[in-house]
Amino acid sequence: MRLGDIVLRNRLVTSSSLLGYGVSNTPLLPYGMSPISLFVPLAEFGAVTTRTLTVEPREGHFTTRDDWSLPELPGLLRRYGTVLRGTDGGWINAFGWCNVGIDAYLRDYYPRTRDQRVIISLGGFSAEEFVTLVDRVNAVVPVGDIAAVELNVSCHNVNFDFSTILQDVLDEAVPRSNHPVILKLSPDNDYLRNAQQAAKAGVSALTAINTVKALRLDPRTGTPLLANRYGGLSGRAIKPIGLRVVSELREAGVTLPIIATGGIRTVDDCREYFWAGADAVSLGSATWLASYPGYALAPVRALHVRRVLRAIRRHGARPVRGGPAR
């Protein structure tokens, strides 16, 4: 299927970060990838979105390592506790763009995911960094080999005001890309204005929404539970917010294709977003994250994901805007 000039295999994609780089170096401990994904055929999704990649490797608030051994598992879990916490109806994270860097991704991971349709997520702190990222993707990835690049200019976990660079990023990076460009919108910023800026700059589609800025404190001490103090809230709790943003974008006259994300877990969730005005939907933390003991049920959870994927692939589950659902 097509979203403008973006070619997807179907209307169901995966959200950035939850599946790492689309492949794991350690099958026993799939760092960066939900264990549920090991039981799901990733190549059958419309596209798999990578972890956000920066010009240089970045530890963020976590680590770039992905070669953890079984004896190191307790230490890894302690690290996760500083950047990922469950909350009522969702998850709050503060990974801070930890990633291996664009060069390592293109060299070590991208060649092993050529069977997947890929959206490469890119993040930077200046227009120059985004231009560099786009140029490096252009140099390695042939035209048509990926679905798109996604510009993450809306992350709360890196403590940066992206509004100061957004227009420059759109003006300088978008025209240089050999691949379609998606802009990821934050519900905490002026997303209507940002969407209109994106349309004027030639962006091919929008991702709505990124996580919602949030905070959790230890009720006994008042100490923030996350290493960054604030984090990004995702999961079932933000589904009504995601639906609102998609609907408001359409009400404001935004005609760019929208990939909706936020609390999607079932076919009915997908249909709600389609009714709101989305053209595709993305599975994020509501699907791929679980409590650590809960991952023992990963094969069962994967069966549910497969059912949703099968329904979207076969029938689209997409209502016709302005008409009855099909």
C-alpha atoms as a PDB file:
ATOM      1  CA  MET A   1       0.000   0.000   0.000  1.00  0.00           C
ATOM      2  CA  ARG A   2       1.039   3.625  -0.445  1.00  0.00           C
ATOM      3  CA  LEU A   3       0.940   6.629   1.874  1.00  0.00           C
ATOM      4  CA  GLY A   4       1.710   9.258  -0.686  1.00  0.00           C
ATOM      5  CA  ASP A   5       5.208   8.295  -1.837  1.00  0.00           C
ATOM      6  CA  ILE A   6       5.778   5.948   1.135  1.00  0.00           C
ATOM      7  CA  VAL A   7       5.379   2.271   0.227  1.00  0.00           C
ATOM      8  CA  LEU A   8       4.332  -0.029   3.073  1.00  0.00           C
ATOM      9  CA  ARG A   9       3.485  -3.726   3.013  1.00  0.00           C
ATOM     10  CA  ASN A  10       0.256  -2.998   4.926  1.00  0.00           C
ATOM     11  CA  ARG A  11      -1.217  -0.456   7.352  1.00  0.00           C
ATOM     12  CA  LEU A  12       0.340  -1.896  10.502  1.00  0.00           C
ATOM     13  CA  VAL A  13       3.873  -0.779  11.444  1.00  0.00           C
ATOM     14  CA  THR A  14       5.936  -0.888  14.626  1.00  0.00           C
ATOM     15  CA  SER A  15       6.979   2.091  16.720  1.00  0.00           C
ATOM     16  CA  SER A  16      10.520   3.329  17.227  1.00  0.00           C
ATOM     17  CA  SER A  17      12.715   1.827  19.989  1.00  0.00           C
ATOM     18  CA  LEU A  18      10.563  -1.150  21.032  1.00  0.00           C
ATOM     19  CA  LEU A  19      12.262  -3.487  18.542  1.00  0.00           C
ATOM     20  CA  GLY A  20      15.739  -1.961  18.689  1.00  0.00           C
ATOM     21  CA  TYR A  21      17.319  -2.154  15.247  1.00  0.00           C
ATOM     22  CA  GLY A  22      15.043  -4.930  13.984  1.00  0.00           C
ATOM     23  CA  VAL A  23      17.472  -7.732  14.787  1.00  0.00           C
ATOM     24  CA  SER A  24      19.207  -8.929  17.945  1.00  0.00           C
ATOM     25  CA  ASN A  25      22.818 -10.015  18.471  1.00  0.00           C
ATOM     26  CA  THR A  26      21.923 -12.139  21.500  1.00  0.00           C
ATOM     27  CA  PRO A  27      18.863 -14.363  21.008  1.00  0.00           C
ATOM     28  CA  LEU A  28      18.829 -15.412  24.661  1.00  0.00           C
ATOM     29  CA  LEU A  29      18.735 -11.829  25.953  1.00  0.00           C
ATOM     30  CA  PRO A  30      17.411  -9.737  23.048  1.00  0.00           C
ATOM     31  CA  TYR A  31      18.574  -6.361  24.350  1.00  0.00           C
ATOM     32  CA  GLY A  32      16.662  -3.566  22.670  1.00  0.00           C
ATOM     33  CA  MET A  33      13.962  -5.914  21.384  1.00  0.00           C
ATOM     34  CA  SER A  34      10.846  -7.061  23.165  1.00  0.00           C
ATOM     35  CA  PRO A  35      11.020 -10.832  23.714  1.00  0.00           C
ATOM     36  CA  ILE A  36       7.518 -10.951  22.250  1.00  0.00           C
ATOM     37  CA  SER A  37       8.966  -9.945  18.881  1.00  0.00           C
ATOM     38  CA  LEU A  38      10.959 -13.169  18.679  1.00  0.00           C
ATOM     39  CA  PHE A  39       7.684 -15.010  18.036  1.00  0.00           C
ATOM     40  CA  VAL A  40       6.287 -12.570  15.454  1.00  0.00           C
ATOM     41  CA  PRO A  41       7.282 -12.393  11.745  1.00  0.00           C
ATOM     42  CA  LEU A  42       8.603  -8.833  11.572  1.00  0.00           C
ATOM     43  CA  ALA A  43       8.909  -8.990   7.773  1.00  0.00           C
ATOM     44  CA  GLU A  44       5.116  -9.175   7.538  1.00  0.00           C
ATOM     45  CA  PHE A  45       4.558  -5.748   9.099  1.00  0.00           C
ATOM     46  CA  GLY A  46       3.972  -2.730   6.923  1.00  0.00           C
ATOM     47  CA  ALA A  47       7.318  -1.482   8.240  1.00  0.00           C
ATOM     48  CA  VAL A  48       9.558  -1.856  11.293  1.00  0.00           C
ATOM     49  CA  THR A  49      10.800   1.431  12.762  1.00  0.00           C
ATOM     50  CA  THR A  50      14.312   1.457  14.206  1.00  0.00           C
ATOM     51  CA  ARG A  51      15.514   2.887  17.484  1.00  0.00           C
ATOM     52  CA  THR A  52      16.323   6.577  16.976  1.00  0.00           C
ATOM     53  CA  LEU A  53      19.856   6.882  15.579  1.00  0.00           C
ATOM     54  CA  THR A  54      22.266   9.781  16.059  1.00  0.00           C
ATOM     55  CA  VAL A  55      25.444  10.834  14.248  1.00  0.00           C
ATOM     56  CA  GLU A  56      27.706   9.404  16.966  1.00  0.00           C
ATOM     57  CA  PRO A  57      27.058   6.514  19.367  1.00  0.00           C
ATOM     58  CA  ARG A  58      25.129   7.795  22.359  1.00  0.00           C
ATOM     59  CA  GLU A  59      24.822   6.254  25.825  1.00  0.00           C
ATOM     60  CA  GLY A  60      21.876   8.462  26.748  1.00  0.00           C
ATOM     61  CA  HIS A  61      20.665   7.457  30.217  1.00  0.00           C
ATOM     62  CA  PHE A  62      21.214   3.757  29.563  1.00  0.00           C
ATOM     63  CA  THR A  63      23.853   1.987  27.461  1.00  0.00           C
ATOM     64  CA  THR A  64      24.800   1.132  23.894  1.00  0.00           C
ATOM     65  CA  ARG A  65      25.759  -2.436  24.787  1.00  0.00           C
ATOM     66  CA  ASP A  66      23.751  -5.230  23.204  1.00  0.00           C
ATOM     67  CA  ASP A  67      25.902  -8.256  24.066  1.00  0.00           C
ATOM     68  CA  TRP A  68      24.704  -9.019  27.606  1.00  0.00           C
ATOM     69  CA  SER A  69      25.299 -12.525  28.881  1.00  0.00           C
ATOM     70  CA  LEU A  70      23.021 -14.467  31.214  1.00  0.00           C
ATOM     71  CA  PRO A  71      25.184 -13.860  34.347  1.00  0.00           C
ATOM     72  CA  GLU A  72      24.948 -10.127  33.661  1.00  0.00           C
ATOM     73  CA  LEU A  73      21.147 -10.180  33.616  1.00  0.00           C
ATOM     74  CA  PRO A  74      20.673  -8.785  37.169  1.00  0.00           C
ATOM     75  CA  GLY A  75      22.832  -5.763  36.333  1.00  0.00           C
ATOM     76  CA  LEU A  76      20.933  -5.192  33.105  1.00  0.00           C
ATOM     77  CA  LEU A  77      17.606  -5.299  34.927  1.00  0.00           C
ATOM     78  CA  ARG A  78      18.878  -2.751  37.468  1.00  0.00           C
ATOM     79  CA  ARG A  79      19.823  -0.462  34.587  1.00  0.00           C
ATOM     80  CA  TYR A  80      16.380  -0.863  33.074  1.00  0.00           C
ATOM     81  CA  GLY A  81      14.870   0.153  36.394  1.00  0.00           C
ATOM     82  CA  THR A  82      16.416   3.625  36.030  1.00  0.00           C
ATOM     83  CA  VAL A  83      14.995   4.255  32.551  1.00  0.00           C
ATOM     84  CA  LEU A  84      11.769   2.253  32.295  1.00  0.00           C
ATOM     85  CA  ARG A  85       8.939   2.036  34.819  1.00  0.00           C
ATOM     86  CA  GLY A  86       5.390   0.782  34.645  1.00  0.00           C
ATOM     87  CA  THR A  87       2.625   3.166  35.591  1.00  0.00           C
ATOM     88  CA  ASP A  88      -1.165   3.054  35.633  1.00  0.00           C
ATOM     89  CA  GLY A  89      -2.172   2.038  32.127  1.00  0.00           C
ATOM     90  CA  GLY A  90       1.220   2.450  30.541  1.00  0.00           C
ATOM     91  CA  TRP A  91       4.957   2.905  30.748  1.00  0.00           C
ATOM     92  CA  ILE A  92       7.266   5.838  31.362  1.00  0.00           C
ATOM     93  CA  ASN A  93      10.759   5.747  29.874  1.00  0.00           C
ATOM     94  CA  ALA A  94      13.863   7.918  29.781  1.00  0.00           C
ATOM     95  CA  PHE A  95      16.341   6.033  27.594  1.00  0.00           C
ATOM     96  CA  GLY A  96      17.604   9.321  26.137  1.00  0.00           C
ATOM     97  CA  TRP A  97      18.318   8.138  22.587  1.00  0.00           C
ATOM     98  CA  CYS A  98      20.840   5.491  23.591  1.00  0.00           C
ATOM     99  CA  ASN A  99      21.999   3.969  20.298  1.00  0.00           C
ATOM    100  CA  VAL A 100      25.035   2.627  18.432  1.00  0.00           C
ATOM    101  CA  GLY A 101      25.163   5.531  15.977  1.00  0.00           C
ATOM    102  CA  ILE A 102      24.142   5.723  12.342  1.00  0.00           C
ATOM    103  CA  ASP A 103      27.363   4.260  10.911  1.00  0.00           C
ATOM    104  CA  ALA A 104      27.295   1.153  13.110  1.00  0.00           C
ATOM    105  CA  TYR A 105      23.608   0.639  12.331  1.00  0.00           C
ATOM    106  CA  LEU A 106      24.127   0.862   8.577  1.00  0.00           C
ATOM    107  CA  ARG A 107      27.158  -1.428   8.752  1.00  0.00           C
ATOM    108  CA  ASP A 108      26.103  -4.034  11.303  1.00  0.00           C
ATOM    109  CA  TYR A 109      22.305  -4.120  11.469  1.00  0.00           C
ATOM    110  CA  TYR A 110      20.663  -2.785   8.323  1.00  0.00           C
ATOM    111  CA  PRO A 111      22.117  -5.526   6.051  1.00  0.00           C
ATOM    112  CA  ARG A 112      20.505  -8.158   8.300  1.00  0.00           C
ATOM    113  CA  THR A 113      17.023  -6.623   8.055  1.00  0.00           C
ATOM    114  CA  ARG A 114      16.734  -6.417   4.291  1.00  0.00           C
ATOM    115  CA  ASP A 115      13.760  -8.806   4.414  1.00  0.00           C
ATOM    116  CA  GLN A 116      11.872  -6.206   6.472  1.00  0.00           C
ATOM    117  CA  ARG A 117      10.346  -2.963   5.273  1.00  0.00           C
ATOM    118  CA  VAL A 118      12.222  -0.425   7.389  1.00  0.00           C
ATOM    119  CA  ILE A 119      11.635   3.103   8.656  1.00  0.00           C
ATOM    120  CA  ILE A 120      14.931   4.531   9.926  1.00  0.00           C
ATOM    121  CA  SER A 121      14.392   6.912  12.844  1.00  0.00           C
ATOM    122  CA  LEU A 122      16.897   9.786  13.016  1.00  0.00           C
ATOM    123  CA  GLY A 123      17.614  12.199  15.870  1.00  0.00           C
ATOM    124  CA  GLY A 124      19.884  15.200  16.246  1.00  0.00           C
ATOM    125  CA  PHE A 125      20.351  18.527  17.986  1.00  0.00           C
ATOM    126  CA  SER A 126      20.871  20.753  14.951  1.00  0.00           C
ATOM    127  CA  ALA A 127      19.914  20.966  11.310  1.00  0.00           C
ATOM    128  CA  GLU A 128      23.509  20.094  10.460  1.00  0.00           C
ATOM    129  CA  GLU A 129      23.267  16.812  12.365  1.00  0.00           C
ATOM    130  CA  PHE A 130      20.057  15.874  10.592  1.00  0.00           C
ATOM    131  CA  VAL A 131      21.635  16.696   7.229  1.00  0.00           C
ATOM    132  CA  THR A 132      24.597  14.462   8.107  1.00  0.00           C
ATOM    133  CA  LEU A 133      22.257  11.625   9.087  1.00  0.00           C
ATOM    134  CA  VAL A 134      20.235  11.929   5.887  1.00  0.00           C
ATOM    135  CA  ASP A 135      23.404  12.032   3.787  1.00  0.00           C
ATOM    136  CA  ARG A 136      24.768   8.875   5.421  1.00  0.00           C
ATOM    137  CA  VAL A 137      21.523   7.002   4.810  1.00  0.00           C
ATOM    138  CA  ASN A 138      21.533   8.233   1.204  1.00  0.00           C
ATOM    139  CA  ALA A 139      25.089   6.965   0.729  1.00  0.00           C
ATOM    140  CA  VAL A 140      24.340   3.404   1.871  1.00  0.00           C
ATOM    141  CA  VAL A 141      20.659   2.714   1.235  1.00  0.00           C
ATOM    142  CA  PRO A 142      19.485   2.531  -2.399  1.00  0.00           C
ATOM    143  CA  VAL A 143      16.358   4.459  -3.325  1.00  0.00           C
ATOM    144  CA  GLY A 144      13.301   2.339  -2.629  1.00  0.00           C
ATOM    145  CA  ASP A 145      15.036  -0.106  -0.263  1.00  0.00           C
ATOM    146  CA  ILE A 146      13.424   1.400   2.842  1.00  0.00           C
ATOM    147  CA  ALA A 147       9.986   2.822   3.437  1.00  0.00           C
ATOM    148  CA  ALA A 148      11.161   6.176   4.824  1.00  0.00           C
ATOM    149  CA  VAL A 149      13.303   8.029   7.295  1.00  0.00           C
ATOM    150  CA  GLU A 150      11.552   9.419  10.358  1.00  0.00           C
ATOM    151  CA  LEU A 151      12.796  12.664  11.868  1.00  0.00           C
ATOM    152  CA  ASN A 152      12.447  12.491  15.652  1.00  0.00           C
ATOM    153  CA  VAL A 153      12.350  16.176  16.526  1.00  0.00           C
ATOM    154  CA  SER A 154      10.086  15.702  19.544  1.00  0.00           C
ATOM    155  CA  CYS A 155      11.758  13.512  22.198  1.00  0.00           C
ATOM    156  CA  HIS A 156      11.403  14.596  25.849  1.00  0.00           C
ATOM    157  CA  ASN A 157      14.216  12.446  27.176  1.00  0.00           C
ATOM    158  CA  VAL A 158      17.160  14.380  25.766  1.00  0.00           C
ATOM    159  CA  ASN A 159      16.364  17.717  27.463  1.00  0.00           C
ATOM    160  CA  PHE A 160      16.405  19.841  24.325  1.00  0.00           C
ATOM    161  CA  ASP A 161      13.998  22.409  22.888  1.00  0.00           C
ATOM    162  CA  PHE A 162      13.470  21.117  19.351  1.00  0.00           C
ATOM    163  CA  SER A 163      11.244  24.074  18.440  1.00  0.00           C
ATOM    164  CA  THR A 164      14.430  26.111  18.055  1.00  0.00           C
ATOM    165  CA  ILE A 165      15.668  23.951  15.172  1.00  0.00           C
ATOM    166  CA  LEU A 166      12.543  22.429  13.609  1.00  0.00           C
ATOM    167  CA  GLN A 167      12.173  24.861  10.716  1.00  0.00           C
ATOM    168  CA  ASP A 168      15.872  24.643   9.856  1.00  0.00           C
ATOM    169  CA  VAL A 169      15.689  20.843   9.958  1.00  0.00           C
ATOM    170  CA  LEU A 170      12.720  20.875   7.595  1.00  0.00           C
ATOM    171  CA  ASP A 171      14.355  23.401   5.263  1.00  0.00           C
ATOM    172  CA  GLU A 172      17.770  21.732   5.103  1.00  0.00           C
ATOM    173  CA  ALA A 173      17.346  18.001   5.763  1.00  0.00           C
ATOM    174  CA  VAL A 174      14.075  17.155   4.027  1.00  0.00           C
ATOM    175  CA  PRO A 175      15.123  18.252   0.508  1.00  0.00           C
ATOM    176  CA  ARG A 176      18.368  16.275   0.766  1.00  0.00           C
ATOM    177  CA  SER A 177      16.746  12.935   1.495  1.00  0.00           C
ATOM    178  CA  ASN A 178      16.585  10.354  -1.286  1.00  0.00           C
ATOM    179  CA  HIS A 179      13.882   8.632   0.743  1.00  0.00           C
ATOM    180  CA  PRO A 180      10.430   9.786   1.877  1.00  0.00           C
ATOM    181  CA  VAL A 181      10.503  11.714   5.155  1.00  0.00           C
ATOM    182  CA  ILE A 182       8.159  11.301   8.120  1.00  0.00           C
ATOM    183  CA  LEU A 183       7.971  13.927  10.877  1.00  0.00           C
ATOM    184  CA  LYS A 184       7.232  12.666  14.397  1.00  0.00           C
ATOM    185  CA  LEU A 185       4.947  15.000  16.332  1.00  0.00           C
ATOM    186  CA  SER A 186       4.813  15.600  20.080  1.00  0.00           C
ATOM    187  CA  PRO A 187       1.431  16.066  21.793  1.00  0.00           C
ATOM    188  CA  ASP A 188       3.137  18.507  24.177  1.00  0.00           C
ATOM    189  CA  ASN A 189       4.172  20.943  21.448  1.00  0.00           C
ATOM    190  CA  ASP A 190       2.248  22.950  18.838  1.00  0.00           C
ATOM    191  CA  TYR A 191       1.569  19.899  16.686  1.00  0.00           C
ATOM    192  CA  LEU A 192      -0.908  21.678  14.416  1.00  0.00           C
ATOM    193  CA  ARG A 193       1.645  24.311  13.502  1.00  0.00           C
ATOM    194  CA  ASN A 194       4.404  21.702  13.217  1.00  0.00           C
ATOM    195  CA  ALA A 195       2.253  19.630  10.838  1.00  0.00           C
ATOM    196  CA  GLN A 196       1.605  22.672   8.670  1.00  0.00           C
ATOM    197  CA  GLN A 197       5.337  23.430   8.610  1.00  0.00           C
ATOM    198  CA  ALA A 198       6.000  19.830   7.577  1.00  0.00           C
ATOM    199  CA  ALA A 199       3.504  19.981   4.738  1.00  0.00           C
ATOM    200  CA  LYS A 200       5.091  23.143   3.336  1.00  0.00           C
ATOM    201  CA  ALA A 201       8.567  21.570   3.568  1.00  0.00           C
ATOM    202  CA  GLY A 202       7.648  18.507   1.505  1.00  0.00           C
ATOM    203  CA  VAL A 203       7.425  15.937   4.306  1.00  0.00           C
ATOM    204  CA  SER A 204       5.660  12.785   3.103  1.00  0.00           C
ATOM    205  CA  ALA A 205       3.795  11.784   6.295  1.00  0.00           C
ATOM    206  CA  LEU A 206       3.400  12.407  10.017  1.00  0.00           C
ATOM    207  CA  THR A 207       3.766  10.134  13.019  1.00  0.00           C
ATOM    208  CA  ALA A 208       1.279  11.074  15.728  1.00  0.00           C
ATOM    209  CA  ILE A 209       2.150  10.865  18.522  1.00  0.00           C
ATOM    210  CA  ASN A 210       5.439  10.699  20.373  1.00  0.00           C
ATOM    211  CA  THR A 211       5.301  10.002  24.110  1.00  0.00           C
ATOM    212  CA  VAL A 212       3.729  12.428  26.590  1.00  0.00           C
ATOM    213  CA  LYS A 213       6.078  14.165  29.042  1.00  0.00           C
ATOM    214  CA  ALA A 214       5.538  12.641  32.480  1.00  0.00           C
ATOM    215  CA  LEU A 215       6.978  12.164  35.965  1.00  0.00           C
ATOM    216  CA  ARG A 216       7.018   9.472  38.656  1.00  0.00           C
ATOM    217  CA  LEU A 217       8.339   9.934  42.195  1.00  0.00           C
ATOM    218  CA  ASP A 218       9.135   7.560  45.027  1.00  0.00           C
ATOM    219  CA  PRO A 219       6.204   8.216  47.391  1.00  0.00           C
ATOM    220  CA  ARG A 220       8.426   7.754  50.453  1.00  0.00           C
ATOM    221  CA  THR A 221      11.330  10.007  49.493  1.00  0.00           C
ATOM    222  CA  GLY A 222      10.150  12.146  46.593  1.00  0.00           C
ATOM    223  CA  THR A 223      13.103  10.923  44.522  1.00  0.00           C
ATOM    224  CA  PRO A 224      12.397  10.652  40.775  1.00  0.00           C
ATOM    225  CA  LEU A 225      12.174   7.019  39.681  1.00  0.00           C
ATOM    226  CA  LEU A 226      13.865   7.737  36.356  1.00  0.00           C
ATOM    227  CA  ALA A 227      17.460   8.809  35.801  1.00  0.00           C
ATOM    228  CA  ASN A 228      16.299  11.824  33.774  1.00  0.00           C
ATOM    229  CA  ARG A 229      13.613  12.872  36.315  1.00  0.00           C
ATOM    230  CA  TYR A 230      11.064  13.329  33.508  1.00  0.00           C
ATOM    231  CA  GLY A 231      10.255  10.650  30.979  1.00  0.00           C
ATOM    232  CA  GLY A 232       7.931   9.822  28.124  1.00  0.00           C
ATOM    233  CA  LEU A 233       4.579   8.210  28.941  1.00  0.00           C
ATOM    234  CA  SER A 234       3.334   5.603  26.474  1.00  0.00           C
ATOM    235  CA  GLY A 235       0.838   2.746  26.439  1.00  0.00           C
ATOM    236  CA  ARG A 236      -2.914   2.465  26.989  1.00  0.00           C
ATOM    237  CA  ALA A 237      -3.016   5.643  29.080  1.00  0.00           C
ATOM    238  CA  ILE A 238      -2.245   7.900  26.108  1.00  0.00           C
ATOM    239  CA  LYS A 239      -4.626   6.374  23.551  1.00  0.00           C
ATOM    240  CA  PRO A 240      -7.301   9.074  24.082  1.00  0.00           C
ATOM    241  CA  ILE A 241      -4.622  11.733  23.632  1.00  0.00           C
ATOM    242  CA  GLY A 242      -3.383  10.122  20.419  1.00  0.00           C
ATOM    243  CA  LEU A 243      -6.920   9.923  19.061  1.00  0.00           C
ATOM    244  CA  ARG A 244      -7.487  13.573  19.918  1.00  0.00           C
ATOM    245  CA  VAL A 245      -4.321  14.697  18.154  1.00  0.00           C
ATOM    246  CA  VAL A 246      -5.094  12.731  14.989  1.00  0.00           C
ATOM    247  CA  SER A 247      -8.648  14.081  14.936  1.00  0.00           C
ATOM    248  CA  GLU A 248      -7.512  17.662  15.516  1.00  0.00           C
ATOM    249  CA  LEU A 249      -4.960  17.391  12.725  1.00  0.00           C
ATOM    250  CA  ARG A 250      -7.731  16.396  10.309  1.00  0.00           C
ATOM    251  CA  GLU A 251     -10.090  19.058  11.639  1.00  0.00           C
ATOM    252  CA  ALA A 252      -7.346  21.645  11.040  1.00  0.00           C
ATOM    253  CA  GLY A 253      -7.154  20.646   7.363  1.00  0.00           C
ATOM    254  CA  VAL A 254      -3.911  18.664   7.518  1.00  0.00           C
ATOM    255  CA  THR A 255      -3.974  16.297   4.530  1.00  0.00           C
ATOM    256  CA  LEU A 256      -0.619  14.559   4.942  1.00  0.00           C
ATOM    257  CA  PRO A 257      -0.843  10.808   5.630  1.00  0.00           C
ATOM    258  CA  ILE A 258      -0.805  10.063   9.361  1.00  0.00           C
ATOM    259  CA  ILE A 259       0.757   7.031  11.051  1.00  0.00           C
ATOM    260  CA  ALA A 260      -0.985   6.911  14.411  1.00  0.00           C
ATOM    261  CA  THR A 261       0.527   5.471  17.555  1.00  0.00           C
ATOM    262  CA  GLY A 262      -0.425   5.487  21.204  1.00  0.00           C
ATOM    263  CA  GLY A 263      -2.017   2.662  23.160  1.00  0.00           C
ATOM    264  CA  ILE A 264      -2.761   0.401  20.196  1.00  0.00           C
ATOM    265  CA  ARG A 265      -3.170  -3.259  21.088  1.00  0.00           C
ATOM    266  CA  THR A 266      -6.252  -4.639  19.311  1.00  0.00           C
ATOM    267  CA  VAL A 267      -7.990  -4.446  15.943  1.00  0.00           C
ATOM    268  CA  ASP A 268     -10.625  -2.213  17.534  1.00  0.00           C
ATOM    269  CA  ASP A 269      -7.883   0.192  18.632  1.00  0.00           C
ATOM    270  CA  CYS A 270      -6.734   0.330  15.024  1.00  0.00           C
ATOM    271  CA  ARG A 271     -10.270   1.019  13.827  1.00  0.00           C
ATOM    272  CA  GLU A 272     -10.697   3.874  16.295  1.00  0.00           C
ATOM    273  CA  TYR A 273      -7.593   5.544  14.940  1.00  0.00           C
ATOM    274  CA  PHE A 274      -8.751   4.987  11.364  1.00  0.00           C
ATOM    275  CA  TRP A 275     -12.067   6.633  12.201  1.00  0.00           C
ATOM    276  CA  ALA A 276     -10.167   9.554  13.744  1.00  0.00           C
ATOM    277  CA  GLY A 277      -8.357  10.074  10.446  1.00  0.00           C
ATOM    278  CA  ALA A 278      -5.216   7.921  10.514  1.00  0.00           C
ATOM    279  CA  ASP A 279      -3.989   6.160   7.388  1.00  0.00           C
ATOM    280  CA  ALA A 280      -1.782   3.591   9.176  1.00  0.00           C
ATOM    281  CA  VAL A 281      -1.236   2.568  12.787  1.00  0.00           C
ATOM    282  CA  SER A 282       1.815   1.637  14.819  1.00  0.00           C
ATOM    283  CA  LEU A 283       2.204  -0.889  17.628  1.00  0.00           C
ATOM    284  CA  GLY A 284       4.251   0.464  20.535  1.00  0.00           C
ATOM    285  CA  SER A 285       4.655  -0.235  24.231  1.00  0.00           C
ATOM    286  CA  ALA A 286       1.044  -1.353  24.761  1.00  0.00           C
ATOM    287  CA  THR A 287       1.898  -4.355  22.582  1.00  0.00           C
ATOM    288  CA  TRP A 288       5.597  -5.022  23.103  1.00  0.00           C
ATOM    289  CA  LEU A 289       6.255  -4.267  26.790  1.00  0.00           C
ATOM    290  CA  ALA A 290       5.351  -6.427  29.791  1.00  0.00           C
ATOM    291  CA  SER A 291       6.516  -6.894  33.352  1.00  0.00           C
ATOM    292  CA  TYR A 292       9.698  -8.958  33.443  1.00  0.00           C
ATOM    293  CA  PRO A 293       7.920 -12.068  34.783  1.00  0.00           C
ATOM    294  CA  GLY A 294       5.205 -11.450  32.209  1.00  0.00           C
ATOM    295  CA  TYR A 295       7.611 -12.153  29.367  1.00  0.00           C
ATOM    296  CA  ALA A 296       7.259 -15.836  30.237  1.00  0.00           C
ATOM    297  CA  LEU A 297       3.993 -15.509  28.313  1.00  0.00           C
ATOM    298  CA  ALA A 298       5.704 -13.962  25.285  1.00  0.00           C
ATOM    299  CA  PRO A 299       4.599 -16.756  22.898  1.00  0.00           C
ATOM    300  CA  VAL A 300       0.978 -16.251  23.972  1.00  0.00           C
ATOM    301  CA  ARG A 301       1.234 -12.474  23.602  1.00  0.00           C
ATOM    302  CA  ALA A 302       2.782 -13.018  20.195  1.00  0.00           C
ATOM    303  CA  LEU A 303      -0.253 -15.021  19.071  1.00  0.00           C
ATOM    304  CA  HIS A 304      -2.396 -11.979  19.801  1.00  0.00           C
ATOM    305  CA  VAL A 305      -0.069  -9.734  17.802  1.00  0.00           C
ATOM    306  CA  ARG A 306      -0.209 -12.205  14.927  1.00  0.00           C
ATOM    307  CA  ARG A 307      -4.011 -12.057  14.956  1.00  0.00           C
ATOM    308  CA  VAL A 308      -3.992  -8.266  14.743  1.00  0.00           C
ATOM    309  CA  LEU A 309      -1.392  -8.382  11.974  1.00  0.00           C
ATOM    310  CA  ARG A 310      -3.387 -10.991  10.058  1.00  0.00           C
ATOM    311  CA  ALA A 311      -6.574  -8.917  10.286  1.00  0.00           C
ATOM    312  CA  ILE A 312      -4.876  -5.777   9.004  1.00  0.00           C
ATOM    313  CA  ARG A 313      -3.078  -7.616   6.208  1.00  0.00           C
ATOM    314  CA  ARG A 314      -6.208  -9.349   4.987  1.00  0.00           C
ATOM    315  CA  HIS A 315      -8.902  -6.761   5.468  1.00  0.00           C
ATOM    316  CA  GLY A 316      -7.235  -3.469   6.307  1.00  0.00           C
ATOM    317  CA  ALA A 317      -9.788  -2.933   9.110  1.00  0.00           C
ATOM    318  CA  ARG A 318      -9.905   0.572   7.762  1.00  0.00           C
ATOM    319  CA  PRO A 319     -13.177   2.509   7.855  1.00  0.00           C
ATOM    320  CA  VAL A 320     -13.898   4.796   4.934  1.00  0.00           C
ATOM    321  CA  ARG A 321     -13.786   8.368   6.180  1.00  0.00           C
ATOM    322  CA  GLY A 322     -17.261   9.799   6.208  1.00  0.00           C
ATOM    323  CA  GLY A 323     -18.854   6.389   5.605  1.00  0.00           C
ATOM    324  CA  PRO A 324     -19.586   3.137   7.359  1.00  0.00           C
ATOM    325  CA  ALA A 325     -16.766   0.968   8.697  1.00  0.00           C
ATOM    326  CA  ARG A 326     -15.764  -2.009   6.629  1.00  0.00           C
END
